[in-house]
Protein backbone atom coordinates (compact mmCIF):
# COMPACT_ATOMS: atom_id res chain seq x y z
CA MET A 1 -11.28 32.16 -7.17
CA ILE A 2 -9.60 30.62 -10.20
CA SER A 3 -11.83 28.66 -12.55
CA LYS A 4 -11.66 24.87 -12.56
CA GLU A 5 -10.82 24.94 -16.26
CA LEU A 6 -7.78 27.18 -15.75
CA VAL A 7 -6.61 25.13 -12.75
CA ALA A 8 -6.91 21.94 -14.82
CA ALA A 9 -5.11 23.47 -17.81
CA SER A 10 -2.25 24.72 -15.66
CA SER A 11 -1.78 21.51 -13.68
CA ARG A 12 0.58 19.86 -16.15
CA PRO A 13 3.10 22.72 -16.45
CA LEU A 14 2.91 23.38 -12.71
CA VAL A 15 3.70 19.78 -11.79
CA LEU A 16 6.48 19.53 -14.37
CA SER A 17 7.97 22.81 -13.13
CA ILE A 18 7.84 21.76 -9.48
CA LEU A 19 9.46 18.43 -10.28
CA SER A 20 12.18 20.20 -12.28
CA GLU A 21 13.31 21.74 -8.97
CA SER A 22 13.77 18.32 -7.35
CA GLU A 23 12.02 15.02 -6.90
CA ASN A 24 9.03 15.27 -4.60
CA TYR A 25 6.04 13.44 -3.17
CA GLY A 26 2.35 14.27 -3.54
CA TYR A 27 1.65 16.22 -0.35
CA ALA A 28 4.78 18.34 -0.83
CA ILE A 29 3.70 19.14 -4.40
CA LEU A 30 0.28 20.24 -3.12
CA GLN A 31 1.94 22.48 -0.53
CA ARG A 32 4.35 23.98 -3.09
CA VAL A 33 1.43 24.97 -5.33
CA ARG A 34 -0.36 26.57 -2.38
CA THR A 35 2.76 28.49 -1.36
CA LEU A 36 3.65 29.66 -4.87
CA SER A 37 0.08 30.79 -5.54
CA GLU A 38 -0.21 32.49 -2.15
CA GLU A 39 -3.09 30.12 -1.29
CA ARG A 40 -5.08 31.07 -4.42
CA ILE A 41 -4.64 27.62 -5.97
CA GLN A 42 -5.49 24.78 -3.64
CA TRP A 43 -5.37 21.38 -5.23
CA THR A 44 -6.70 18.22 -3.67
CA ASP A 45 -5.29 14.68 -3.80
CA GLY A 46 -8.10 13.82 -6.20
CA MET A 47 -6.86 16.43 -8.63
CA LEU A 48 -3.09 15.88 -8.31
CA TYR A 49 -2.73 12.11 -8.50
CA PRO A 50 -4.52 11.68 -11.84
CA VAL A 51 -2.13 14.30 -13.29
CA LEU A 52 0.90 12.45 -11.88
CA HIS A 53 -0.42 9.12 -13.23
CA ARG A 54 -0.98 10.64 -16.71
CA LEU A 55 2.52 12.12 -16.70
CA ALA A 56 3.93 8.73 -15.68
CA ALA A 57 1.94 6.96 -18.42
CA GLU A 58 3.42 9.42 -20.94
CA GLY A 59 6.93 8.68 -19.66
CA LEU A 60 7.45 12.22 -18.37
CA VAL A 61 7.81 11.30 -14.69
CA GLU A 62 9.01 8.24 -12.81
CA ALA A 63 7.92 7.20 -9.36
CA THR A 64 9.97 5.49 -6.67
CA TRP A 65 8.99 4.38 -3.19
CA LYS A 66 11.38 5.70 -0.53
CA MET A 67 11.51 5.65 3.24
CA ALA A 68 10.78 9.06 4.74
CA ASP A 69 12.46 10.40 7.89
CA ASN A 70 9.41 9.37 9.91
CA GLY A 71 9.83 5.72 8.88
CA ARG A 72 6.89 5.67 6.47
CA GLU A 73 7.20 4.96 2.78
CA ARG A 74 6.37 7.73 0.33
CA LYS A 75 6.13 7.67 -3.43
CA TYR A 76 8.54 10.23 -4.88
CA TYR A 77 8.17 11.54 -8.41
CA ARG A 78 10.92 12.90 -10.63
CA LEU A 79 11.20 14.13 -14.19
CA THR A 80 12.60 11.93 -16.91
CA THR A 81 14.60 13.30 -19.81
CA ALA A 82 11.36 13.41 -21.80
CA GLY A 83 9.76 15.28 -18.89
CA HIS A 84 12.42 18.00 -19.06
CA GLU A 85 11.79 18.32 -22.80
CA ALA A 86 8.02 18.47 -22.24
CA LEU A 87 8.53 21.21 -19.65
CA GLY A 88 10.39 23.28 -22.25
CA ASN A 89 7.49 22.88 -24.68
CA GLU A 90 4.93 23.74 -21.99
CA ARG A 91 6.92 26.82 -20.98
CA ARG A 92 7.07 28.11 -24.55
CA GLN A 93 3.32 27.61 -25.03
CA TRP A 94 2.34 29.27 -21.75
CA LEU A 95 4.72 32.20 -22.34
CA THR A 96 3.15 32.75 -25.76
CA VAL A 97 -0.33 32.82 -24.23
CA HIS A 98 0.85 35.06 -21.38
CA GLN A 99 2.61 37.51 -23.70
CA THR A 100 -0.41 37.69 -26.01
CA LEU A 101 -2.81 38.41 -23.15
CA ASP A 102 -0.39 40.91 -21.64
CA LYS A 103 -0.25 42.82 -24.94
CA LEU A 104 -4.03 42.85 -25.22
CA TRP A 105 -4.56 43.97 -21.64
CA THR A 106 -1.83 46.61 -21.86
CA LEU A 107 -3.48 48.04 -24.97
CA GLN A 108 -6.85 48.08 -23.23
CA ALA A 109 -5.34 49.85 -20.19
CA THR A 110 -8.21 48.60 -18.05
CA PRO A 111 -7.46 48.32 -14.32
CA LEU A 112 -7.30 44.72 -13.15
CA PRO A 113 -9.97 43.62 -10.67
CA SER A 114 -8.82 42.27 -7.30
CA ILE A 115 -8.51 38.54 -6.99
């Protein structure tokens, strides 16, 4: 199980990255995270929508209501220009953390526990 703190910290870059692929709606974003994480990260609506609202308030995503194939309206989110720039910054920060931890753990040569 992944800690709540790590899930919360990774939510912003995950959402920005998913939306960089294409515009999407909430349930599809939740499913994409589950698929990419091989079911190890399972967000709820209560976790995702506050992140989307914060990103919208910061001007990083825009939302538009559209009619889905089933005739129901869905709110689709897409990255703004500022959102693409923010994703680049997030990527650089996370890669720095990842590379630093990878160096430490390689030096320690300790076998990784199963998740």
